N, C-alpha and C. Protein backbone atom coordinates (compact mmCIF):
# COMPACT_ATOMS: atom_id res chain seq x y z
N MET A 1 3.77 13.82 -21.27
CA MET A 1 4.73 13.32 -22.41
C MET A 1 5.56 12.37 -21.90
N LYS A 2 6.19 12.57 -20.43
CA LYS A 2 7.52 11.89 -20.15
C LYS A 2 7.11 10.28 -20.13
N SER A 3 5.66 10.22 -19.47
CA SER A 3 5.52 8.85 -19.20
C SER A 3 5.16 7.98 -20.37
N GLU A 4 4.56 8.77 -21.48
CA GLU A 4 4.58 8.12 -22.45
C GLU A 4 6.21 7.59 -23.20
N ILE A 5 6.80 8.55 -23.17
CA ILE A 5 8.12 8.43 -23.75
C ILE A 5 8.70 6.87 -23.00
N LEU A 6 8.79 7.03 -21.45
CA LEU A 6 9.21 6.08 -20.86
C LEU A 6 8.61 4.62 -21.38
N ALA A 7 7.09 4.54 -21.56
CA ALA A 7 6.35 3.60 -21.84
C ALA A 7 7.14 3.11 -23.05
N ALA A 8 7.39 3.82 -24.22
CA ALA A 8 7.92 3.36 -25.22
C ALA A 8 9.24 2.86 -25.20
N LEU A 9 9.84 3.48 -24.22
CA LEU A 9 11.19 2.91 -24.14
C LEU A 9 11.40 1.55 -23.34
N ALA A 10 10.19 1.51 -22.71
CA ALA A 10 10.20 0.07 -22.01
C ALA A 10 9.83 -0.96 -22.76
N THR A 11 9.34 -0.71 -24.13
CA THR A 11 9.11 -1.70 -25.22
C THR A 11 10.38 -2.07 -25.69
N VAL A 12 11.74 -1.49 -25.51
CA VAL A 12 12.82 -1.82 -25.96
C VAL A 12 13.74 -2.93 -25.02
N ASP A 13 13.99 -3.92 -25.78
CA ASP A 13 14.88 -4.70 -24.61
C ASP A 13 16.26 -4.78 -25.10
N ASP A 14 17.27 -5.12 -24.17
CA ASP A 14 18.44 -5.62 -24.18
C ASP A 14 18.61 -6.89 -24.55
N PRO A 15 18.65 -7.19 -25.80
CA PRO A 15 18.64 -8.64 -26.58
C PRO A 15 19.43 -9.48 -25.94
N GLU A 16 20.35 -9.25 -25.14
CA GLU A 16 20.97 -10.16 -24.32
C GLU A 16 20.40 -10.80 -23.39
N LEU A 17 19.76 -9.96 -22.77
CA LEU A 17 19.17 -10.18 -21.43
C LEU A 17 17.43 -10.34 -21.43
N GLY A 18 17.09 -10.06 -22.66
CA GLY A 18 15.72 -10.19 -22.52
C GLY A 18 14.79 -9.36 -21.58
N ILE A 19 15.25 -8.05 -20.88
CA ILE A 19 14.80 -7.15 -20.30
C ILE A 19 14.69 -5.74 -20.73
N ASP A 20 13.64 -5.06 -20.33
CA ASP A 20 13.64 -3.66 -21.09
C ASP A 20 14.46 -2.89 -20.43
N ILE A 21 14.91 -1.73 -21.26
CA ILE A 21 16.03 -0.73 -20.89
C ILE A 21 15.53 0.24 -19.93
N VAL A 22 14.33 0.13 -19.74
CA VAL A 22 13.70 1.13 -18.44
C VAL A 22 14.14 0.14 -17.37
N SER A 23 13.72 -0.85 -17.15
CA SER A 23 13.63 -1.79 -15.93
C SER A 23 15.29 -2.33 -15.83
N LEU A 24 16.31 -2.13 -16.62
CA LEU A 24 17.37 -2.44 -16.16
C LEU A 24 18.13 -1.09 -15.80
N GLY A 25 17.35 0.14 -15.74
CA GLY A 25 18.10 1.41 -15.40
C GLY A 25 19.00 1.92 -16.71
N LEU A 26 18.89 1.51 -17.73
CA LEU A 26 19.73 2.06 -18.70
C LEU A 26 19.67 3.49 -19.22
N VAL A 27 18.42 4.12 -18.77
CA VAL A 27 18.18 5.45 -19.22
C VAL A 27 18.56 6.33 -18.42
N ARG A 28 19.81 6.82 -18.73
CA ARG A 28 20.26 7.79 -17.92
C ARG A 28 19.94 9.26 -18.08
N ARG A 29 19.26 10.09 -19.00
CA ARG A 29 19.06 11.26 -19.15
C ARG A 29 17.86 11.34 -20.31
N LEU A 30 16.52 11.80 -19.95
CA LEU A 30 15.38 12.03 -20.79
C LEU A 30 15.34 13.53 -20.68
N ASP A 31 15.31 14.47 -21.64
CA ASP A 31 15.01 15.63 -21.88
C ASP A 31 14.13 16.01 -23.08
N ILE A 32 12.95 16.40 -22.83
CA ILE A 32 12.07 16.85 -23.76
C ILE A 32 11.99 18.63 -23.90
N GLY A 33 12.06 19.11 -25.05
CA GLY A 33 12.18 20.44 -25.19
C GLY A 33 11.30 20.55 -26.33
N GLU A 34 11.20 21.67 -26.80
CA GLU A 34 10.15 22.08 -27.93
C GLU A 34 10.41 21.47 -29.16
N GLY A 35 9.58 20.46 -29.06
CA GLY A 35 9.83 19.49 -30.43
C GLY A 35 10.97 18.70 -30.61
N THR A 36 11.78 18.45 -29.53
CA THR A 36 12.79 17.41 -29.53
C THR A 36 12.75 16.77 -27.96
N VAL A 37 13.28 15.55 -28.48
CA VAL A 37 13.54 14.48 -27.23
C VAL A 37 14.77 14.40 -27.27
N THR A 38 15.52 14.07 -26.22
CA THR A 38 16.94 13.82 -26.28
C THR A 38 17.20 12.66 -24.93
N ILE A 39 17.72 11.56 -25.55
CA ILE A 39 17.67 10.48 -24.64
C ILE A 39 19.47 10.03 -24.47
N GLU A 40 19.61 10.00 -23.31
CA GLU A 40 20.86 9.77 -22.90
C GLU A 40 21.09 7.77 -22.43
N LEU A 41 21.70 7.16 -22.96
CA LEU A 41 21.54 5.63 -22.41
C LEU A 41 22.79 5.20 -21.90
N MET A 42 22.92 4.12 -21.32
CA MET A 42 24.02 3.44 -20.89
C MET A 42 23.71 2.18 -21.19
N MET A 43 24.90 1.21 -21.32
CA MET A 43 24.87 0.09 -21.41
C MET A 43 25.24 -0.98 -20.27
N THR A 44 24.94 -2.03 -20.39
CA THR A 44 25.37 -2.99 -18.91
C THR A 44 26.86 -3.33 -19.11
N THR A 45 27.48 -3.08 -20.27
CA THR A 45 28.83 -3.29 -20.28
C THR A 45 29.28 -2.09 -21.38
N PRO A 46 30.51 -1.63 -20.99
CA PRO A 46 30.75 -0.15 -21.87
C PRO A 46 30.93 -0.66 -23.18
N THR A 47 31.49 -2.12 -23.52
CA THR A 47 31.86 -2.36 -24.85
C THR A 47 30.70 -3.11 -25.37
N CYS A 48 29.27 -3.14 -25.17
CA CYS A 48 28.10 -3.88 -25.62
C CYS A 48 28.35 -3.58 -27.12
N PRO A 49 28.51 -4.81 -27.56
CA PRO A 49 28.44 -4.90 -29.12
C PRO A 49 26.98 -4.43 -29.88
N LEU A 50 25.82 -4.49 -28.94
CA LEU A 50 24.53 -4.23 -29.42
C LEU A 50 23.77 -2.74 -28.80
N GLY A 51 25.09 -1.89 -28.41
CA GLY A 51 24.42 -0.53 -27.96
C GLY A 51 23.97 0.04 -28.90
N GLY A 52 24.40 0.05 -30.24
CA GLY A 52 23.83 0.65 -31.35
C GLY A 52 22.65 0.40 -32.07
N LEU A 53 22.43 -1.10 -32.10
CA LEU A 53 21.00 -1.54 -32.29
C LEU A 53 19.85 -0.96 -31.12
N ILE A 54 20.22 -1.00 -29.86
CA ILE A 54 19.41 -0.92 -28.79
C ILE A 54 19.08 0.70 -28.97
N ALA A 55 19.99 1.66 -29.17
CA ALA A 55 19.89 2.94 -29.20
C ALA A 55 18.91 3.27 -30.39
N GLU A 56 19.20 2.63 -31.62
CA GLU A 56 18.34 2.85 -32.81
C GLU A 56 16.91 2.43 -32.33
N ASN A 57 16.59 1.16 -31.77
CA ASN A 57 15.66 0.77 -31.33
C ASN A 57 14.51 1.58 -30.54
N ALA A 58 15.60 2.41 -29.60
CA ALA A 58 14.84 3.10 -28.78
C ALA A 58 14.60 4.45 -29.33
N ARG A 59 15.08 4.88 -30.18
CA ARG A 59 14.79 6.07 -30.93
C ARG A 59 13.47 5.91 -31.78
N VAL A 60 13.33 4.81 -32.62
CA VAL A 60 12.26 4.60 -33.58
C VAL A 60 11.18 4.31 -32.62
N ALA A 61 11.11 3.58 -31.12
CA ALA A 61 9.99 3.55 -30.34
C ALA A 61 9.56 4.90 -29.70
N VAL A 62 10.41 5.66 -29.52
CA VAL A 62 10.16 7.28 -28.99
C VAL A 62 9.28 7.85 -30.21
N GLU A 63 9.94 7.93 -31.50
CA GLU A 63 9.44 8.40 -32.66
C GLU A 63 7.98 7.82 -32.75
N ARG A 64 7.58 6.77 -32.55
CA ARG A 64 6.07 6.29 -32.75
C ARG A 64 5.45 6.66 -31.63
N ALA A 65 5.77 7.09 -30.31
CA ALA A 65 5.07 7.23 -29.59
C ALA A 65 4.86 8.80 -29.44
N VAL A 66 5.85 9.86 -29.76
CA VAL A 66 5.35 11.16 -29.87
C VAL A 66 4.71 11.60 -31.43
N GLY A 67 5.25 11.05 -32.31
CA GLY A 67 4.23 11.16 -33.78
C GLY A 67 5.36 12.11 -34.45
N ALA A 68 4.80 12.51 -35.44
CA ALA A 68 5.56 13.35 -36.55
C ALA A 68 5.64 14.89 -35.78
N GLY A 69 6.62 15.36 -36.81
CA GLY A 69 7.06 16.73 -36.02
C GLY A 69 8.16 16.93 -35.13
N TRP A 70 8.31 15.80 -34.38
CA TRP A 70 9.61 15.69 -33.46
C TRP A 70 11.06 15.19 -33.62
N THR A 71 11.87 15.57 -33.24
CA THR A 71 13.03 15.20 -33.69
C THR A 71 13.92 14.29 -32.23
N VAL A 72 14.04 12.98 -32.39
CA VAL A 72 14.22 12.36 -31.22
C VAL A 72 15.83 11.94 -31.49
N SER A 73 16.62 12.14 -30.34
CA SER A 73 18.12 11.68 -30.63
C SER A 73 18.51 10.83 -29.38
N VAL A 74 19.07 9.86 -29.77
CA VAL A 74 19.42 8.98 -28.59
C VAL A 74 21.01 8.65 -28.61
N THR A 75 21.70 8.97 -27.69
CA THR A 75 23.01 8.81 -27.49
C THR A 75 23.27 7.60 -26.59
N ILE A 76 24.45 7.27 -26.34
CA ILE A 76 25.22 6.08 -25.33
C ILE A 76 26.37 6.81 -24.47
N ASP A 77 26.35 6.83 -23.33
CA ASP A 77 27.15 7.22 -22.42
C ASP A 77 28.27 6.05 -22.33
N LYS A 78 29.12 5.74 -22.84
CA LYS A 78 30.03 4.76 -22.57
C LYS A 78 31.13 4.78 -21.59
N ALA A 79 31.18 5.96 -20.85
CA ALA A 79 31.92 6.08 -19.68
C ALA A 79 30.84 5.76 -18.67
N ALA A 80 29.80 5.48 -18.67
CA ALA A 80 28.94 5.34 -17.51
C ALA A 80 29.05 4.06 -17.27
N VAL A 81 29.13 3.57 -15.96
CA VAL A 81 29.45 2.15 -15.58
C VAL A 81 27.89 1.78 -14.82
N TRP A 82 27.40 0.76 -15.40
CA TRP A 82 25.95 0.07 -14.76
C TRP A 82 26.29 -0.94 -13.95
N SER A 83 25.67 -0.97 -13.17
CA SER A 83 25.51 -2.15 -11.72
C SER A 83 24.03 -2.51 -11.64
N PRO A 84 24.09 -3.81 -11.01
CA PRO A 84 22.64 -4.44 -10.93
C PRO A 84 21.77 -3.19 -9.93
N GLU A 85 22.42 -2.53 -9.02
CA GLU A 85 21.42 -1.74 -8.19
C GLU A 85 20.82 -0.62 -8.99
N LEU A 86 21.00 -0.29 -10.28
CA LEU A 86 20.31 0.63 -11.17
C LEU A 86 19.16 -0.10 -11.55
N ALA A 87 18.88 -1.23 -11.51
CA ALA A 87 17.73 -1.84 -11.99
C ALA A 87 16.61 -1.98 -11.12
N ASP A 88 15.45 -2.08 -11.74
CA ASP A 88 14.44 -2.05 -10.92
C ASP A 88 14.54 -3.24 -9.95
N PRO A 89 13.80 -3.25 -8.57
CA PRO A 89 14.13 -4.23 -7.71
C PRO A 89 13.12 -5.74 -8.39
N SER A 90 12.25 -5.63 -9.16
CA SER A 90 11.79 -6.61 -9.77
C SER A 90 12.61 -7.61 -10.69
N VAL A 91 13.71 -6.95 -11.07
CA VAL A 91 14.63 -7.53 -12.14
C VAL A 91 15.94 -7.83 -11.39
N ARG A 92 16.32 -6.75 -10.26
CA ARG A 92 17.97 -6.95 -9.65
C ARG A 92 18.36 -8.55 -9.19
N SER A 93 16.99 -9.16 -8.71
CA SER A 93 17.66 -10.67 -8.33
C SER A 93 18.02 -11.37 -9.30
N ARG A 94 17.93 -11.09 -10.47
CA ARG A 94 18.34 -12.02 -11.69
C ARG A 94 19.74 -11.91 -11.63
N PHE A 95 20.54 -10.51 -11.26
CA PHE A 95 21.65 -10.31 -11.26
C PHE A 95 22.64 -10.87 -9.73
N GLU A 96 21.70 -11.55 -8.71
CA GLU A 96 22.39 -11.49 -7.88
C GLU A 96 22.88 -13.10 -7.80
N ARG A 97 24.38 -13.25 -7.19
CA ARG A 97 24.93 -14.44 -7.10
C ARG A 97 23.99 -15.65 -6.62
N GLN A 98 24.08 -16.51 -7.07
CA GLN A 98 23.10 -17.39 -6.61
C GLN A 98 24.30 -18.80 -6.29
N PRO A 99 23.92 -19.39 -4.97
CA PRO A 99 24.94 -20.46 -4.62
C PRO A 99 25.17 -21.58 -5.49
N SER A 100 26.37 -22.00 -5.47
CA SER A 100 26.91 -23.21 -6.26
C SER A 100 25.92 -24.60 -5.86
N ARG A 101 25.89 -25.83 -6.46
CA ARG A 101 24.94 -26.92 -6.01
C ARG A 101 25.83 -27.12 -4.90
N PHE A 102 27.32 -26.92 -4.69
CA PHE A 102 28.05 -27.36 -3.46
C PHE A 102 27.69 -26.67 -2.31
N GLU A 103 27.46 -25.43 -2.90
CA GLU A 103 27.16 -24.42 -1.29
C GLU A 103 25.87 -24.65 -0.99
N ALA A 104 24.82 -24.90 -1.66
CA ALA A 104 23.50 -25.17 -1.03
C ALA A 104 23.51 -26.71 -0.50
N ALA A 105 24.27 -27.68 -1.14
CA ALA A 105 24.30 -28.92 -0.08
C ALA A 105 25.17 -29.00 1.02
N VAL A 106 26.10 -27.71 1.03
CA VAL A 106 26.41 -27.45 2.57
C VAL A 106 25.43 -26.88 3.68
N SER A 107 24.95 -26.10 3.08
CA SER A 107 23.99 -25.40 3.81
C SER A 107 22.94 -26.15 4.16
N LYS A 108 22.35 -26.98 3.03
CA LYS A 108 21.32 -28.01 3.89
C LYS A 108 21.86 -28.99 4.98
N PHE A 109 22.98 -29.31 4.60
CA PHE A 109 23.45 -30.40 5.56
C PHE A 109 23.76 -29.87 6.90
N ALA A 110 24.36 -28.43 6.92
CA ALA A 110 24.56 -27.87 8.24
C ALA A 110 23.15 -27.29 8.91
N ALA A 111 22.18 -27.08 7.99
CA ALA A 111 21.04 -26.76 8.74
C ALA A 111 20.55 -27.98 9.35
N GLY A 112 20.44 -29.10 8.48
CA GLY A 112 20.01 -30.45 9.39
C GLY A 112 21.10 -30.75 10.60
N LEU A 113 22.34 -30.37 10.36
CA LEU A 113 23.02 -31.15 11.71
C LEU A 113 23.03 -29.99 12.80
N PHE A 114 22.46 -28.60 12.54
CA PHE A 114 22.11 -27.83 13.46
C PHE A 114 20.85 -27.25 13.99
N GLY A 115 19.98 -28.23 13.21
CA GLY A 115 18.51 -27.68 13.47
C GLY A 115 17.67 -26.64 13.08
N ARG A 116 18.54 -26.24 11.85
CA ARG A 116 17.88 -24.52 11.47
C ARG A 116 16.93 -25.21 10.33
């Protein structure tokens, strides 16, 4: 059941980033009880204006996955602080600082100058 729920949550994207909430590491807690699924999410920023939409999309996706007769609740932990380290390694690189064009040019020049 847990893998089906996580698969359903993986269909829910953060609309601003276009990356699913599981890969981003936004699923903080997933509890499965008798006829209940309780999910706690965090957002990439505590004041995310789309948090409500993401939570609702997550609830609907999980309800579809578990079927009728289940109660699904999704809350957002607004105190949790997200960082790229929580994301899957496959998406983490999207959040790493990229060198500016100037830094890249200096690096290329230095490599040529010092034979690297």
